[in-house]
């Protein structure tokens, strides 16, 4: 059997994205539901890939050190400062 480190190192981005989607939705692209064991394994592979191959700093992502990035409330506010979600005119309300 191939070593998990080799699997992660050789994994194309497209495969990672499919695994991430399956872990998030709980089903494969064809609609087949993942078993609990499949979902757990898929999530572990996704987290390992994120830690090893992606340089992520967003809230609740896996950092290179394998720990979850947790931003403080102040950091999150600073990230979203100045960005409007939606704008309405008074007569539209």
Protein backbone atom coordinates (compact mmCIF):
# COMPACT_ATOMS: atom_id res chain seq x y z
CA UNK A 1 0.00 0.00 0.00
CA UNK A 2 1.18 3.51 -0.79
CA UNK A 3 2.26 5.77 2.04
CA UNK A 4 -0.24 8.56 2.83
CA UNK A 5 2.57 11.12 2.47
CA UNK A 6 3.13 9.98 -1.13
CA UNK A 7 -0.61 10.13 -1.81
CA UNK A 8 -0.81 13.72 -0.55
CA UNK A 9 2.34 14.77 -2.40
CA UNK A 10 1.12 13.36 -5.72
CA UNK A 11 -2.55 14.33 -5.38
CA UNK A 12 -3.80 16.68 -8.11
CA UNK A 13 -5.75 19.76 -7.00
CA UNK A 14 -8.85 18.44 -8.78
CA UNK A 15 -8.87 15.31 -6.61
CA UNK A 16 -8.45 17.40 -3.45
CA UNK A 17 -11.39 19.59 -4.50
CA UNK A 18 -13.60 16.53 -5.10
CA UNK A 19 -12.66 15.06 -1.74
CA UNK A 20 -13.28 18.39 0.01
CA UNK A 21 -16.70 18.68 -1.64
CA UNK A 22 -17.57 15.11 -0.65
CA UNK A 23 -16.52 15.73 2.96
CA UNK A 24 -18.54 18.96 3.11
CA UNK A 25 -21.69 17.59 1.46
CA UNK A 26 -21.52 14.01 2.72
CA UNK A 27 -21.90 12.60 -0.77
CA UNK A 28 -19.91 12.06 -3.95
CA UNK A 29 -20.53 14.01 -7.14
CA UNK A 30 -22.84 11.26 -8.44
CA UNK A 31 -25.03 11.57 -5.32
CA UNK A 32 -23.80 8.43 -3.55
CA UNK A 33 -23.81 9.07 0.19
CA UNK A 34 -20.53 8.58 2.06
CA UNK A 35 -20.55 6.14 4.94
CA UNK A 36 -19.42 7.50 8.30
CA UNK A 37 -16.03 5.79 7.84
CA UNK A 38 -15.63 7.22 4.32
CA UNK A 39 -16.51 10.72 5.49
CA UNK A 40 -14.05 10.53 8.38
CA UNK A 41 -11.24 9.25 6.13
CA UNK A 42 -12.01 11.80 3.44
CA UNK A 43 -11.97 14.63 5.98
CA UNK A 44 -8.61 13.46 7.33
CA UNK A 45 -7.10 13.40 3.83
CA UNK A 46 -8.50 16.87 3.09
CA UNK A 47 -7.07 18.28 6.32
CA UNK A 48 -3.68 16.69 5.67
CA UNK A 49 -3.64 18.08 2.13
CA UNK A 50 -4.53 21.56 3.43
CA UNK A 51 -1.79 21.42 6.05
CA UNK A 52 0.89 20.19 3.67
CA UNK A 53 0.09 21.81 0.32
CA UNK A 54 -1.96 24.96 0.91
CA UNK A 55 -0.86 28.17 2.56
CA UNK A 56 -4.09 29.05 4.32
CA UNK A 57 -4.68 31.81 6.80
CA UNK A 58 -8.48 32.06 6.72
CA UNK A 59 -10.57 31.39 9.80
CA UNK A 60 -11.04 27.67 10.58
CA UNK A 61 -8.68 26.36 7.93
CA UNK A 62 -5.73 24.06 8.52
CA UNK A 63 -2.38 25.85 8.80
CA UNK A 64 0.98 24.43 7.69
CA UNK A 65 1.72 23.39 11.27
CA UNK A 66 -1.41 21.20 11.24
CA UNK A 67 -3.33 23.42 13.65
CA UNK A 68 -6.64 25.13 12.96
CA UNK A 69 -6.42 28.83 12.17
CA UNK A 70 -8.66 30.60 14.64
CA UNK A 71 -8.92 34.32 14.16
CA UNK A 72 -10.01 36.58 16.97
CA UNK A 73 -13.19 38.63 16.69
CA UNK A 74 -11.08 41.76 16.10
CA UNK A 75 -9.14 40.05 13.29
CA UNK A 76 -12.37 38.91 11.63
CA UNK A 77 -13.86 42.41 11.88
CA UNK A 78 -10.71 43.88 10.34
CA UNK A 79 -10.92 41.37 7.49
CA UNK A 80 -14.48 42.35 6.62
CA UNK A 81 -14.32 46.07 7.41
CA UNK A 82 -15.62 48.24 4.61
CA UNK A 83 -17.27 45.43 2.68
CA UNK A 84 -21.03 45.79 2.33
CA UNK A 85 -23.06 42.65 2.17
CA UNK A 86 -26.08 44.40 0.62
CA UNK A 87 -27.33 47.93 0.14
CA UNK A 88 -30.96 49.03 0.06
CA UNK A 89 -32.68 52.32 -0.64
CA UNK A 90 -35.22 53.45 1.97
CA UNK A 91 -38.12 53.00 -0.46
CA UNK A 92 -37.08 49.38 -1.06
CA UNK A 93 -37.54 48.45 2.58
